[in-house]
């Protein structure tokens, strides 16, 4: 099944990170239930002209090959400064972080990457304690992998 085979007017895509090993790791964590939260940046939504997520919205998680693998539903959204991200959110991202400092180091590495800076059209982009983050909680509604068989 590909995105093109989804019905017209179907759900928007949920893309975790950029295609590659990190996306594969995050998608696997969504599918095994260890990832139930994610973090975006308000500036990224604004740059893309996208509205912030709201509870109840559903989207299709795609893997690095752009194949739909699951449908998720947003259960909660909070916008907070980076300094206010809490341990529960960090742990629920399913990346194995045991402290907010570990979580933040990994996220700052991603947000300061060449790919992210290119996506934001800002070669000097950086985050700090005041950077507004979109803390999103979600649940898997449907595992689409079984439909491929």
N, C-alpha and C. Protein backbone atom coordinates (compact mmCIF):
# COMPACT_ATOMS: atom_id res chain seq x y z
N UNK A 1 0.85 -1.17 0.00
CA UNK A 1 0.00 0.00 0.00
C UNK A 1 0.90 1.23 0.00
N UNK A 2 0.59 2.18 -0.84
CA UNK A 2 1.33 3.44 -0.87
C UNK A 2 0.37 4.56 -0.55
N UNK A 3 0.92 5.74 -0.33
CA UNK A 3 0.06 6.88 -0.06
C UNK A 3 -0.90 7.10 -1.21
N UNK A 4 -0.42 6.86 -2.46
CA UNK A 4 -1.27 7.06 -3.63
C UNK A 4 -2.45 6.11 -3.65
N UNK A 5 -2.34 4.97 -2.95
CA UNK A 5 -3.43 4.01 -2.95
C UNK A 5 -4.45 4.30 -1.84
N UNK A 6 -4.16 5.29 -1.01
CA UNK A 6 -5.14 5.69 0.01
C UNK A 6 -6.26 6.45 -0.68
N UNK A 7 -7.48 6.36 -0.17
CA UNK A 7 -8.60 7.05 -0.80
C UNK A 7 -8.39 8.56 -0.85
N UNK A 8 -8.93 9.17 -1.89
CA UNK A 8 -8.86 10.64 -2.00
C UNK A 8 -9.52 11.24 -0.77
N UNK A 9 -8.98 12.35 -0.33
CA UNK A 9 -9.51 13.00 0.86
C UNK A 9 -9.15 12.26 2.13
N UNK A 10 -8.16 11.38 2.02
CA UNK A 10 -7.78 10.58 3.19
C UNK A 10 -6.99 11.43 4.18
N UNK A 11 -6.50 10.80 5.18
CA UNK A 11 -5.83 11.48 6.29
C UNK A 11 -4.49 12.07 5.87
N UNK A 12 -4.09 13.15 6.56
CA UNK A 12 -2.75 13.71 6.30
C UNK A 12 -1.66 12.77 6.81
N UNK A 13 -0.46 12.98 6.31
CA UNK A 13 0.68 12.17 6.70
C UNK A 13 1.26 12.64 8.03
N UNK A 14 1.70 11.68 8.82
CA UNK A 14 2.49 11.95 10.02
C UNK A 14 3.89 11.44 9.73
N UNK A 15 4.83 12.37 9.66
CA UNK A 15 6.21 12.01 9.35
C UNK A 15 7.08 12.31 10.56
N UNK A 16 7.72 11.27 11.08
CA UNK A 16 8.61 11.43 12.21
C UNK A 16 10.03 11.59 11.68
N UNK A 17 10.68 12.71 12.02
CA UNK A 17 12.03 13.03 11.56
C UNK A 17 12.06 13.04 10.03
N UNK A 18 13.25 12.85 9.48
CA UNK A 18 13.42 12.78 8.03
C UNK A 18 13.59 11.31 7.65
N UNK A 19 13.30 10.94 6.39
CA UNK A 19 13.50 9.54 6.00
C UNK A 19 14.93 9.09 6.30
N UNK A 20 15.04 7.87 6.82
CA UNK A 20 16.35 7.31 7.16
C UNK A 20 16.29 6.59 8.49
N UNK A 21 17.45 6.30 9.06
CA UNK A 21 17.51 5.49 10.29
C UNK A 21 16.71 6.05 11.46
N UNK A 22 16.73 7.36 11.66
CA UNK A 22 15.99 7.91 12.80
C UNK A 22 14.49 7.71 12.59
N UNK A 23 13.99 8.00 11.39
CA UNK A 23 12.56 7.77 11.13
C UNK A 23 12.22 6.30 11.35
N UNK A 24 13.06 5.41 10.84
CA UNK A 24 12.78 3.98 11.00
C UNK A 24 12.69 3.60 12.47
N UNK A 25 13.60 4.14 13.29
CA UNK A 25 13.59 3.87 14.73
C UNK A 25 12.31 4.41 15.36
N UNK A 26 11.92 5.63 15.01
CA UNK A 26 10.74 6.24 15.61
C UNK A 26 9.46 5.53 15.19
N UNK A 27 9.37 5.15 13.92
CA UNK A 27 8.18 4.44 13.44
C UNK A 27 8.07 3.08 14.14
N UNK A 28 9.19 2.40 14.30
CA UNK A 28 9.18 1.11 15.02
C UNK A 28 8.68 1.31 16.44
N UNK A 29 9.08 2.40 17.09
CA UNK A 29 8.65 2.69 18.46
C UNK A 29 7.15 3.00 18.50
N UNK A 30 6.64 3.70 17.49
CA UNK A 30 5.19 3.94 17.42
C UNK A 30 4.47 2.60 17.32
N UNK A 31 4.95 1.75 16.43
CA UNK A 31 4.28 0.48 16.17
C UNK A 31 4.35 -0.49 17.34
N UNK A 32 5.43 -0.43 18.13
CA UNK A 32 5.52 -1.35 19.27
C UNK A 32 4.91 -0.74 20.54
N UNK A 33 4.41 0.49 20.44
CA UNK A 33 3.71 1.12 21.56
C UNK A 33 4.59 1.88 22.52
N UNK A 34 5.91 1.90 22.29
CA UNK A 34 6.78 2.61 23.23
C UNK A 34 6.84 4.11 22.96
N UNK A 35 6.41 4.55 21.78
CA UNK A 35 6.38 5.98 21.46
C UNK A 35 4.93 6.44 21.43
N UNK A 36 4.56 7.29 22.39
CA UNK A 36 3.20 7.81 22.47
C UNK A 36 3.18 9.33 22.54
N UNK A 37 4.34 9.94 22.34
CA UNK A 37 4.41 11.40 22.29
C UNK A 37 5.47 11.81 21.28
N UNK A 38 5.38 13.05 20.85
CA UNK A 38 6.35 13.60 19.92
C UNK A 38 6.42 15.10 20.15
N UNK A 39 7.51 15.69 19.68
CA UNK A 39 7.72 17.12 19.87
C UNK A 39 8.02 17.78 18.54
N UNK A 40 7.32 18.86 18.27
CA UNK A 40 7.60 19.69 17.11
C UNK A 40 7.92 21.09 17.59
N UNK A 41 8.28 21.92 16.65
CA UNK A 41 8.57 23.32 16.97
C UNK A 41 7.51 24.20 16.33
N UNK A 42 7.03 25.18 17.07
CA UNK A 42 6.04 26.11 16.52
C UNK A 42 6.60 26.76 15.25
N UNK A 43 7.88 27.12 15.25
CA UNK A 43 8.48 27.76 14.09
C UNK A 43 8.41 26.88 12.85
N UNK A 44 8.49 25.57 13.00
CA UNK A 44 8.40 24.64 11.87
C UNK A 44 6.98 24.64 11.30
N UNK A 45 5.97 24.60 12.17
CA UNK A 45 4.58 24.68 11.71
C UNK A 45 4.36 26.00 10.98
N UNK A 46 4.85 27.10 11.56
CA UNK A 46 4.66 28.42 10.95
C UNK A 46 5.36 28.49 9.59
N UNK A 47 6.57 27.96 9.51
CA UNK A 47 7.33 27.98 8.25
C UNK A 47 6.58 27.25 7.15
N UNK A 48 5.98 26.11 7.51
CA UNK A 48 5.26 25.30 6.52
C UNK A 48 3.83 25.77 6.28
N UNK A 49 3.38 26.74 7.10
CA UNK A 49 2.00 27.21 6.96
C UNK A 49 0.97 26.20 7.44
N UNK A 50 1.39 25.32 8.34
CA UNK A 50 0.50 24.28 8.85
C UNK A 50 -0.10 24.69 10.19
N UNK A 51 -1.37 24.33 10.42
CA UNK A 51 -1.96 24.59 11.74
C UNK A 51 -1.36 23.63 12.76
N UNK A 52 -1.38 24.04 14.01
CA UNK A 52 -0.94 23.15 15.08
C UNK A 52 -1.93 22.00 15.21
N UNK A 53 -1.46 20.83 15.62
CA UNK A 53 -2.37 19.70 15.79
C UNK A 53 -3.36 19.98 16.92
N UNK A 54 -4.50 19.28 16.86
CA UNK A 54 -5.50 19.38 17.93
C UNK A 54 -5.97 17.97 18.28
N UNK A 55 -6.38 17.81 19.52
CA UNK A 55 -6.86 16.50 19.98
C UNK A 55 -8.00 16.04 19.09
N UNK A 56 -7.96 14.75 18.77
CA UNK A 56 -8.99 14.15 17.92
C UNK A 56 -8.58 14.00 16.47
N UNK A 57 -7.57 14.76 16.04
CA UNK A 57 -7.11 14.65 14.65
C UNK A 57 -6.43 13.31 14.45
N UNK A 58 -6.61 12.77 13.25
CA UNK A 58 -5.96 11.52 12.89
C UNK A 58 -5.04 11.75 11.70
N UNK A 59 -3.99 10.95 11.63
CA UNK A 59 -3.05 11.03 10.51
C UNK A 59 -2.45 9.66 10.26
N UNK A 60 -1.84 9.52 9.09
CA UNK A 60 -1.25 8.25 8.68
C UNK A 60 0.26 8.34 8.87
N UNK A 61 0.81 7.47 9.69
CA UNK A 61 2.26 7.39 9.89
C UNK A 61 2.87 6.72 8.67
N UNK A 62 3.91 7.36 8.10
CA UNK A 62 4.61 6.77 6.96
C UNK A 62 6.04 6.43 7.36
N UNK A 63 6.56 5.37 6.75
CA UNK A 63 7.92 4.96 7.02
C UNK A 63 8.88 5.70 6.06
N UNK A 64 10.14 5.31 6.08
CA UNK A 64 11.14 5.99 5.25
C UNK A 64 10.91 5.81 3.76
N UNK A 65 10.14 4.79 3.39
CA UNK A 65 9.80 4.57 1.99
C UNK A 65 8.46 5.19 1.63
N UNK A 66 7.93 6.03 2.52
CA UNK A 66 6.65 6.72 2.33
C UNK A 66 5.46 5.75 2.30
N UNK A 67 5.64 4.57 2.90
CA UNK A 67 4.54 3.60 2.99
C UNK A 67 3.73 3.87 4.25
N UNK A 68 2.41 3.90 4.14
CA UNK A 68 1.56 4.05 5.34
C UNK A 68 1.67 2.80 6.21
N UNK A 69 1.93 2.99 7.50
CA UNK A 69 2.08 1.85 8.40
C UNK A 69 1.10 1.87 9.57
N UNK A 70 0.53 3.03 9.88
CA UNK A 70 -0.41 3.11 11.00
C UNK A 70 -1.22 4.39 10.91
N UNK A 71 -2.37 4.36 11.55
CA UNK A 71 -3.17 5.57 11.75
C UNK A 71 -3.06 5.91 13.22
N UNK A 72 -2.72 7.18 13.50
CA UNK A 72 -2.66 7.64 14.89
C UNK A 72 -3.69 8.74 15.11
N UNK A 73 -4.07 8.90 16.37
CA UNK A 73 -5.00 9.95 16.76
C UNK A 73 -4.35 10.79 17.86
N UNK A 74 -4.37 12.08 17.69
CA UNK A 74 -3.84 13.00 18.70
C UNK A 74 -4.78 12.97 19.91
N UNK A 75 -4.19 12.79 21.08
CA UNK A 75 -4.99 12.76 22.31
C UNK A 75 -4.78 14.01 23.17
N UNK A 76 -3.68 14.72 22.96
CA UNK A 76 -3.41 15.92 23.76
C UNK A 76 -2.33 16.74 23.07
N UNK A 77 -2.45 18.06 23.15
CA UNK A 77 -1.44 18.96 22.59
C UNK A 77 -1.20 20.08 23.59
N UNK A 78 0.08 20.35 23.84
CA UNK A 78 0.46 21.49 24.68
C UNK A 78 1.56 22.26 23.96
N UNK A 79 1.55 23.57 24.07
CA UNK A 79 2.63 24.40 23.56
C UNK A 79 3.34 24.99 24.77
N UNK A 80 4.64 24.66 24.88
CA UNK A 80 5.42 25.10 26.03
C UNK A 80 6.81 25.54 25.57
N UNK A 81 7.46 26.41 26.34
CA UNK A 81 8.86 26.71 26.05
C UNK A 81 9.71 25.45 26.23
N UNK A 82 10.78 25.34 25.48
CA UNK A 82 11.66 24.17 25.56
C UNK A 82 12.08 23.88 27.01
N UNK A 83 12.30 24.90 27.78
CA UNK A 83 12.72 24.72 29.18
C UNK A 83 11.67 24.01 30.03
N UNK A 84 10.42 23.99 29.56
CA UNK A 84 9.32 23.41 30.35
C UNK A 84 8.93 22.00 29.92
N UNK A 85 9.67 21.39 29.02
CA UNK A 85 9.36 20.01 28.64
C UNK A 85 9.62 19.11 29.86
N UNK A 86 8.64 18.27 30.17
CA UNK A 86 8.72 17.46 31.38
C UNK A 86 9.23 16.04 31.09
N UNK A 87 9.63 15.35 32.15
CA UNK A 87 10.20 14.02 32.03
C UNK A 87 9.20 13.02 31.43
N UNK A 88 7.95 13.08 31.83
CA UNK A 88 6.96 12.13 31.30
C UNK A 88 6.87 12.23 29.78
N UNK A 89 6.86 13.45 29.28
CA UNK A 89 6.81 13.63 27.82
C UNK A 89 8.07 13.07 27.18
N UNK A 90 9.21 13.39 27.74
CA UNK A 90 10.49 12.93 27.18
C UNK A 90 10.55 11.40 27.15
N UNK A 91 10.17 10.75 28.23
CA UNK A 91 10.20 9.29 28.30
C UNK A 91 9.22 8.69 27.30
N UNK A 92 8.04 9.28 27.17
CA UNK A 92 7.00 8.74 26.29
C UNK A 92 7.32 8.92 24.81
N UNK A 93 8.40 9.64 24.51
CA UNK A 93 8.82 9.71 23.11
C UNK A 93 9.44 8.39 22.65
N UNK A 94 9.73 7.50 23.57
CA UNK A 94 10.15 6.15 23.22
C UNK A 94 11.54 6.02 22.64
N UNK A 95 12.41 6.97 22.95
CA UNK A 95 13.77 6.92 22.42
C UNK A 95 14.79 6.46 23.45
N UNK A 96 14.30 6.02 24.61
CA UNK A 96 15.18 5.50 25.63
C UNK A 96 15.78 6.53 26.57
N UNK A 97 15.35 7.78 26.45
CA UNK A 97 15.88 8.82 27.33
C UNK A 97 15.34 8.64 28.74
N UNK A 98 16.22 8.80 29.72
CA UNK A 98 15.83 8.65 31.11
C UNK A 98 15.80 9.99 31.85
N UNK A 99 16.29 11.04 31.20
CA UNK A 99 16.26 12.37 31.79
C UNK A 99 15.86 13.38 30.71
N UNK A 100 15.37 14.51 31.16
CA UNK A 100 15.04 15.57 30.21
C UNK A 100 16.32 16.06 29.52
N UNK A 101 17.43 16.08 30.23
CA UNK A 101 18.70 16.52 29.64
C UNK A 101 19.10 15.61 28.48
N UNK A 102 18.95 14.29 28.64
CA UNK A 102 19.25 13.36 27.54
C UNK A 102 18.32 13.62 26.36
N UNK A 103 17.03 13.75 26.65
CA UNK A 103 16.05 14.02 25.61
C UNK A 103 16.39 15.31 24.87
N UNK A 104 16.71 16.34 25.63
CA UNK A 104 16.98 17.64 25.01
C UNK A 104 18.24 17.58 24.14
N UNK A 105 19.27 16.91 24.61
CA UNK A 105 20.51 16.81 23.82
C UNK A 105 20.23 16.15 22.46
N UNK A 106 19.48 15.08 22.47
CA UNK A 106 19.15 14.41 21.22
C UNK A 106 18.30 15.26 20.31
N UNK A 107 17.33 15.96 20.88
CA UNK A 107 16.47 16.82 20.07
C UNK A 107 17.22 18.04 19.54
N UNK A 108 18.08 18.61 20.36
CA UNK A 108 18.86 19.75 19.87
C UNK A 108 19.78 19.32 18.73
N UNK A 109 20.34 18.13 18.82
CA UNK A 109 21.18 17.63 17.72
C UNK A 109 20.35 17.56 16.43
N UNK A 110 19.11 17.07 16.53
CA UNK A 110 18.23 17.01 15.36
C UNK A 110 17.86 18.40 14.87
N UNK A 111 17.42 19.26 15.79
CA UNK A 111 16.96 20.59 15.40
C UNK A 111 18.08 21.46 14.85
N UNK A 112 19.31 21.19 15.23
CA UNK A 112 20.46 21.96 14.73
C UNK A 112 21.12 21.29 13.54
N UNK A 113 20.54 20.20 13.04
CA UNK A 113 21.11 19.48 11.91
C UNK A 113 20.98 20.27 10.61
N UNK A 114 21.84 19.95 9.67
CA UNK A 114 21.79 20.59 8.36
C UNK A 114 20.43 20.37 7.70
N UNK A 115 19.85 19.17 7.86
CA UNK A 115 18.54 18.88 7.26
C UNK A 115 17.46 19.80 7.82
N UNK A 116 17.45 19.97 9.13
CA UNK A 116 16.43 20.81 9.75
C UNK A 116 16.63 22.27 9.37
N UNK A 117 17.86 22.71 9.39
CA UNK A 117 18.14 24.10 9.02
C UNK A 117 17.74 24.36 7.57
N UNK A 118 17.97 23.36 6.71
CA UNK A 118 17.56 23.50 5.31
C UNK A 118 16.03 23.53 5.20
N UNK A 119 15.36 22.67 5.95
CA UNK A 119 13.90 22.62 5.92
C UNK A 119 13.29 23.94 6.38
N UNK A 120 13.97 24.63 7.29
CA UNK A 120 13.48 25.91 7.80
C UNK A 120 14.01 27.10 7.00
N UNK A 121 14.85 26.82 6.01
CA UNK A 121 15.48 27.90 5.22
C UNK A 121 16.25 28.86 6.11
N UNK A 122 16.94 28.32 7.13
CA UNK A 122 17.68 29.15 8.07
C UNK A 122 18.98 28.41 8.45
N UNK A 123 20.09 28.74 7.78
CA UNK A 123 21.34 28.02 8.03
C UNK A 123 21.90 28.22 9.44
N UNK A 124 21.38 29.19 10.17
CA UNK A 124 21.87 29.47 11.52
C UNK A 124 20.84 29.13 12.60
N UNK A 125 19.79 28.39 12.23
CA UNK A 125 18.72 28.11 13.19
C UNK A 125 19.27 27.43 14.44
N UNK A 126 18.76 27.88 15.57
CA UNK A 126 19.12 27.27 16.85
C UNK A 126 17.92 27.40 17.80
N UNK A 127 17.90 26.54 18.80
CA UNK A 127 16.86 26.61 19.82
C UNK A 127 17.48 27.05 21.14
N UNK A 128 16.63 27.55 22.03
CA UNK A 128 17.06 27.89 23.38
C UNK A 128 15.89 27.62 24.33
N UNK A 129 16.04 27.98 25.59
CA UNK A 129 15.01 27.70 26.60
C UNK A 129 13.65 28.28 26.25
N UNK A 130 13.62 29.36 25.46
CA UNK A 130 12.36 30.03 25.16
C UNK A 130 11.69 29.53 23.87
N UNK A 131 12.36 28.67 23.12
CA UNK A 131 11.80 28.16 21.87
C UNK A 131 10.50 27.42 22.17
N UNK A 132 9.43 27.79 21.45
CA UNK A 132 8.13 27.16 21.70
C UNK A 132 8.06 25.79 21.03
N UNK A 133 7.70 24.81 21.85
CA UNK A 133 7.59 23.41 21.41
C UNK A 133 6.13 22.97 21.42
N UNK A 134 5.79 22.12 20.48
CA UNK A 134 4.47 21.52 20.41
C UNK A 134 4.60 20.09 20.94
N UNK A 135 4.07 19.86 22.13
CA UNK A 135 4.12 18.55 22.76
C UNK A 135 2.82 17.83 22.44
N UNK A 136 2.96 16.76 21.69
CA UNK A 136 1.80 16.05 21.18
C UNK A 136 1.79 14.63 21.73
N UNK A 137 0.64 14.21 22.22
CA UNK A 137 0.43 12.82 22.64
C UNK A 137 -0.53 12.19 21.64
N UNK A 138 -0.31 10.90 21.40
CA UNK A 138 -1.15 10.22 20.40
C UNK A 138 -1.30 8.75 20.77
N UNK A 139 -2.23 8.11 20.08
CA UNK A 139 -2.42 6.66 20.23
C UNK A 139 -2.56 6.06 18.84
N UNK A 140 -2.13 4.82 18.71
CA UNK A 140 -2.30 4.11 17.45
C UNK A 140 -3.75 3.63 17.38
N UNK A 141 -4.41 3.99 16.28
CA UNK A 141 -5.80 3.58 16.06
C UNK A 141 -5.84 2.31 15.21
N UNK A 142 -5.00 2.29 14.17
CA UNK A 142 -4.99 1.15 13.24
C UNK A 142 -3.56 0.86 12.80
N UNK A 143 -3.18 -0.40 12.86
CA UNK A 143 -1.91 -0.85 12.30
C UNK A 143 -2.20 -1.25 10.85
N UNK A 144 -1.64 -0.51 9.90
CA UNK A 144 -1.91 -0.75 8.49
C UNK A 144 -1.05 -1.83 7.87
N UNK A 145 -0.04 -2.29 8.57
CA UNK A 145 0.87 -3.28 7.98
C UNK A 145 0.16 -4.56 7.62
N UNK A 146 -0.84 -4.97 8.39
CA UNK A 146 -1.54 -6.22 8.12
C UNK A 146 -2.34 -6.12 6.81
N UNK A 147 -2.65 -4.92 6.35
CA UNK A 147 -3.43 -4.74 5.13
C UNK A 147 -2.58 -4.95 3.88
N UNK A 148 -1.26 -4.97 4.06
CA UNK A 148 -0.37 -5.14 2.91
C UNK A 148 -0.26 -6.59 2.49
N UNK A 149 -0.62 -7.50 3.37
CA UNK A 149 -0.42 -8.94 3.10
C UNK A 149 -1.52 -9.50 2.24
